[in-house]
């Protein structure tokens, strides 16, 4: 009984016959529509996330089975935090705040893929991901949250494997996300004022110096790029330039 395995990443509940799935299944002779329907049925609860899926095909009987993996830790963090992407500058920008119960939930969901040999160690791995995305944990930056875990602050929640939030905790989380967003917008406005003052003083005749001055003043690179874009180098004489 010959087996063939097709491995793809699909969006939860939204697999289609388009690439990458359709072209991968085409040579197998399988009914692509049936495979797509089964994948979507199995992944509908993970809408909005990229899910690793294996389609294991019996090439003799033309039957198949589906194995659904878990989304990347970062995707689960974004889902719990209710954000579409992590912070552009996670060291300076904080975009959401997760409760320890949500961290435990993610750690349990990914426990087969994480390296830690205990739930506490897996929780620390998830917090590391949060830190790289600019997401607080219990109001703490990632490094401080890791120290709190080490100190045993959340030992009881981890021991009991708590994963649910109360309505009051969810309301608090939403309010905190709104506060962090407003704080980011305020900081951005302050940086824009600072950057525009430097631009008014130095102009754009020497963009490299103007950019350096802005960066030295702590202006985020995204704002610097918006106000003083990097000049593209002219192609060498007689050359075709880069495409």
Protein backbone atom coordinates (compact mmCIF):
# COMPACT_ATOMS: atom_id res chain seq x y z
CA UNK A 1 0.00 0.00 0.00
CA UNK A 2 1.82 3.07 -1.30
CA UNK A 3 1.58 6.31 0.66
CA UNK A 4 2.25 9.86 -0.42
CA UNK A 5 2.29 12.84 1.92
CA UNK A 6 1.62 16.44 0.94
CA UNK A 7 2.57 19.06 3.54
CA UNK A 8 1.26 22.63 3.24
CA UNK A 9 0.49 25.73 5.29
CA UNK A 10 -3.11 26.95 4.93
CA UNK A 11 -5.23 29.63 6.56
CA UNK A 12 -7.60 28.07 9.05
CA UNK A 13 -10.96 27.33 7.44
CA UNK A 14 -9.96 28.96 4.14
CA UNK A 15 -7.99 26.38 2.19
CA UNK A 16 -8.60 26.51 -1.57
CA UNK A 17 -7.52 24.65 -4.69
CA UNK A 18 -5.15 27.53 -5.43
CA UNK A 19 -1.42 27.26 -4.59
CA UNK A 20 0.08 25.81 -2.54
CA UNK A 21 -2.49 23.05 -2.03
CA UNK A 22 -3.97 22.55 -5.53
CA UNK A 23 -0.70 22.18 -7.47
CA UNK A 24 0.66 19.84 -4.79
CA UNK A 25 -2.41 17.59 -4.94
CA UNK A 26 -2.91 17.72 -8.71
CA UNK A 27 -0.35 15.02 -9.66
CA UNK A 28 -1.82 12.61 -7.07
CA UNK A 29 -5.14 12.33 -8.88
CA UNK A 30 -7.10 13.07 -5.72
CA UNK A 31 -10.45 14.87 -5.68
CA UNK A 32 -9.05 18.25 -4.64
CA UNK A 33 -12.46 19.61 -3.67
CA UNK A 34 -12.98 16.82 -1.13
CA UNK A 35 -9.55 17.38 0.39
CA UNK A 36 -10.12 21.14 0.64
CA UNK A 37 -13.53 20.62 2.26
CA UNK A 38 -12.10 18.25 4.87
CA UNK A 39 -9.19 20.56 5.68
CA UNK A 40 -11.53 23.52 6.15
CA UNK A 41 -13.83 21.44 8.35
CA UNK A 42 -10.88 20.48 10.56
CA UNK A 43 -9.36 23.98 10.77
CA UNK A 44 -12.39 26.29 10.89
CA UNK A 45 -11.86 27.03 14.60
CA UNK A 46 -8.39 28.42 13.80
CA UNK A 47 -9.57 31.08 11.34
CA UNK A 48 -7.04 33.81 10.63
CA UNK A 49 -4.01 31.66 11.46
CA UNK A 50 -1.60 29.75 9.24
CA UNK A 51 -1.93 26.04 10.03
CA UNK A 52 0.47 23.24 9.05
CA UNK A 53 -1.49 20.42 7.42
CA UNK A 54 -0.47 16.97 6.19
CA UNK A 55 -2.54 15.18 3.56
CA UNK A 56 -1.61 11.48 3.68
CA UNK A 57 -2.72 9.77 0.49
CA UNK A 58 -3.15 6.08 -0.24
CA UNK A 59 -2.17 6.13 -3.91
CA UNK A 60 -3.76 2.72 -4.58
CA UNK A 61 -7.24 3.36 -3.17
CA UNK A 62 -7.15 7.16 -3.70
CA UNK A 63 -8.26 7.73 -0.11
CA UNK A 64 -6.71 10.23 2.25
CA UNK A 65 -6.38 11.24 5.88
CA UNK A 66 -5.70 14.71 7.26
CA UNK A 67 -3.30 15.57 10.08
CA UNK A 68 -3.64 19.10 11.42
CA UNK A 69 -0.71 20.62 13.28
CA UNK A 70 -0.76 23.61 15.59
CA UNK A 71 -0.18 27.20 14.43
CA UNK A 72 3.15 28.86 15.25
CA UNK A 73 3.41 30.19 18.81
CA UNK A 74 3.42 33.75 17.46
CA UNK A 75 0.06 33.16 15.73
CA UNK A 76 -1.49 31.88 18.97
CA UNK A 77 -0.09 34.88 20.84
CA UNK A 78 -1.63 37.26 18.29
CA UNK A 79 -4.98 35.50 18.55
CA UNK A 80 -5.04 35.72 22.36
CA UNK A 81 -3.89 39.35 22.25
CA UNK A 82 -6.40 40.31 19.55
CA UNK A 83 -3.75 41.90 17.32
CA UNK A 84 -2.90 41.37 13.66
CA UNK A 85 0.87 41.69 14.03
CA UNK A 86 3.61 42.24 16.56
CA UNK A 87 5.18 45.60 17.38
CA UNK A 88 7.50 47.16 14.81
CA UNK A 89 9.98 47.95 17.59
CA UNK A 90 9.23 45.53 20.45
CA UNK A 91 11.86 47.08 22.73
CA UNK A 92 10.10 50.45 22.72
CA UNK A 93 6.53 49.62 21.68
CA UNK A 94 4.06 47.57 23.74
CA UNK A 95 0.85 46.73 21.92
CA UNK A 96 -1.07 44.34 24.18
CA UNK A 97 -1.04 42.63 27.58
CA UNK A 98 -1.70 38.92 28.14
CA UNK A 99 -2.70 37.26 31.41
CA UNK A 100 -0.73 34.27 32.70
CA UNK A 101 -3.76 32.03 32.01
CA UNK A 102 -3.47 32.84 28.31
CA UNK A 103 0.23 32.07 28.35
CA UNK A 104 -0.51 28.70 29.97
CA UNK A 105 -3.19 28.03 27.36
CA UNK A 106 -0.73 28.67 24.54
CA UNK A 107 1.96 26.57 26.23
CA UNK A 108 -0.45 23.64 26.57
CA UNK A 109 -1.58 23.99 22.95
CA UNK A 110 2.05 23.92 21.76
CA UNK A 111 3.40 21.53 24.39
CA UNK A 112 4.39 18.90 21.82
CA UNK A 113 6.48 21.45 19.90
CA UNK A 114 8.12 23.39 22.73
CA UNK A 115 11.47 22.32 24.16
CA UNK A 116 10.85 22.73 27.89
CA UNK A 117 10.53 19.59 30.00
CA UNK A 118 7.85 21.08 32.27
CA UNK A 119 4.84 23.33 31.82
CA UNK A 120 6.70 26.08 33.68
CA UNK A 121 9.58 25.91 31.19
CA UNK A 122 7.13 25.94 28.27
CA UNK A 123 5.42 29.01 29.76
CA UNK A 124 8.79 30.75 29.76
CA UNK A 125 9.25 29.92 26.07
CA UNK A 126 5.89 31.48 25.23
CA UNK A 127 6.78 34.58 27.25
CA UNK A 128 9.99 34.81 25.19
CA UNK A 129 7.85 34.96 22.04
CA UNK A 130 5.68 37.68 23.62
CA UNK A 131 8.80 39.67 24.42
CA UNK A 132 9.92 39.56 20.78
CA UNK A 133 6.47 40.85 19.69
CA UNK A 134 6.13 43.77 22.10
CA UNK A 135 3.42 42.07 24.18
CA UNK A 136 3.34 42.42 27.95
CA UNK A 137 2.52 39.59 30.34
CA UNK A 138 0.52 40.55 33.44
CA UNK A 139 1.56 44.15 32.81
CA UNK A 140 5.25 43.23 32.72
CA UNK A 141 7.78 43.42 29.87
CA UNK A 142 8.97 39.96 28.80
CA UNK A 143 12.21 39.96 30.81
CA UNK A 144 10.46 41.02 33.99
CA UNK A 145 7.71 38.46 33.40
CA UNK A 146 10.36 35.74 33.07
CA UNK A 147 11.88 36.82 36.39
CA UNK A 148 8.42 36.68 37.98
CA UNK A 149 7.94 33.12 36.71
CA UNK A 150 11.38 32.15 38.04
CA UNK A 151 10.50 33.67 41.42
CA UNK A 152 7.37 31.50 41.61
CA UNK A 153 4.80 34.27 41.27
CA UNK A 154 2.62 32.16 38.96
CA UNK A 155 3.37 28.70 40.34
CA UNK A 156 -0.20 28.14 41.54
CA UNK A 157 -1.76 29.03 38.17
CA UNK A 158 0.76 26.80 36.38
CA UNK A 159 0.22 23.91 38.82
CA UNK A 160 -3.54 24.09 38.32
CA UNK A 161 -3.08 24.63 34.56
CA UNK A 162 -5.48 27.55 34.55
CA UNK A 163 -6.37 28.67 31.04
CA UNK A 164 -9.64 30.59 31.33
CA UNK A 165 -10.23 34.30 31.97
CA UNK A 166 -13.21 35.78 33.75
CA UNK A 167 -15.39 38.37 32.02
CA UNK A 168 -13.85 41.03 34.27
CA UNK A 169 -10.32 39.97 33.29
CA UNK A 170 -11.18 40.10 29.59
CA UNK A 171 -12.69 43.56 30.01
CA UNK A 172 -9.53 44.70 31.80
CA UNK A 173 -7.41 43.25 29.00
CA UNK A 174 -9.34 45.14 26.34
CA UNK A 175 -9.06 48.37 28.32
CA UNK A 176 -5.32 47.84 28.68
CA UNK A 177 -4.91 47.22 24.94
CA UNK A 178 -6.78 50.44 24.23
CA UNK A 179 -4.57 52.33 26.70
CA UNK A 180 -1.40 50.95 25.12
CA UNK A 181 -2.64 51.92 21.65
CA UNK A 182 -3.39 55.46 22.77
CA UNK A 183 0.04 55.65 24.40
CA UNK A 184 1.71 54.51 21.17
CA UNK A 185 -0.19 57.10 19.14
CA UNK A 186 0.83 59.82 21.59
CA UNK A 187 4.50 58.78 21.43
CA UNK A 188 4.39 58.65 17.64
CA UNK A 189 2.97 62.19 17.51
CA UNK A 190 5.75 63.40 19.82
CA UNK A 191 8.43 61.75 17.66
CA UNK A 192 6.92 63.24 14.51
CA UNK A 193 7.10 66.74 16.00
CA UNK A 194 10.75 66.15 16.94
CA UNK A 195 11.60 64.73 13.52
CA UNK A 196 9.89 67.53 11.61
CA UNK A 197 11.77 70.11 13.67
CA UNK A 198 15.05 68.46 12.68
CA UNK A 199 13.91 68.32 9.06
CA UNK A 200 13.01 72.02 9.11
CA UNK A 201 16.44 72.83 10.52
CA UNK A 202 18.57 70.60 8.27
CA UNK A 203 16.44 70.19 5.15
CA UNK A 204 16.85 67.36 2.65
CA UNK A 205 19.98 68.49 0.83
CA UNK A 206 22.04 66.06 2.93
CA UNK A 207 19.57 63.26 3.69
CA UNK A 208 22.13 60.96 5.32
CA UNK A 209 23.06 63.59 7.89
CA UNK A 210 19.39 64.43 8.49
CA UNK A 211 18.53 60.76 9.00
CA UNK A 212 21.47 60.30 11.37
CA UNK A 213 20.41 63.33 13.40
CA UNK A 214 16.85 61.97 13.70
CA UNK A 215 18.02 58.51 14.73
CA UNK A 216 20.42 60.00 17.29
CA UNK A 217 17.42 61.89 18.71
CA UNK A 218 15.62 58.59 19.23
CA UNK A 219 13.14 58.94 16.38
CA UNK A 220 11.92 55.46 15.27
CA UNK A 221 13.30 54.31 11.93
CA UNK A 222 9.79 53.98 10.47
CA UNK A 223 9.15 57.71 10.94
CA UNK A 224 12.63 58.57 9.65
CA UNK A 225 11.97 56.54 6.50
CA UNK A 226 8.64 58.29 5.97
CA UNK A 227 10.09 61.79 6.28
CA UNK A 228 13.52 61.25 4.72
CA UNK A 229 13.45 58.18 2.46
CA UNK A 230 16.75 56.49 1.68
CA UNK A 231 18.04 57.66 -1.68
CA UNK A 232 18.38 54.95 -4.32
CA UNK A 233 21.84 54.73 -5.82
CA UNK A 234 22.01 55.71 -9.46
CA UNK A 235 23.07 52.88 -11.81
CA UNK A 236 26.70 52.89 -12.87
CA UNK A 237 27.47 54.53 -16.22
CA UNK A 238 26.77 52.12 -19.05
CA UNK A 239 25.15 49.65 -16.65
CA UNK A 240 21.55 48.50 -16.61
CA UNK A 241 21.06 49.05 -12.87
CA UNK A 242 19.22 46.77 -10.54
CA UNK A 243 15.75 45.59 -11.36
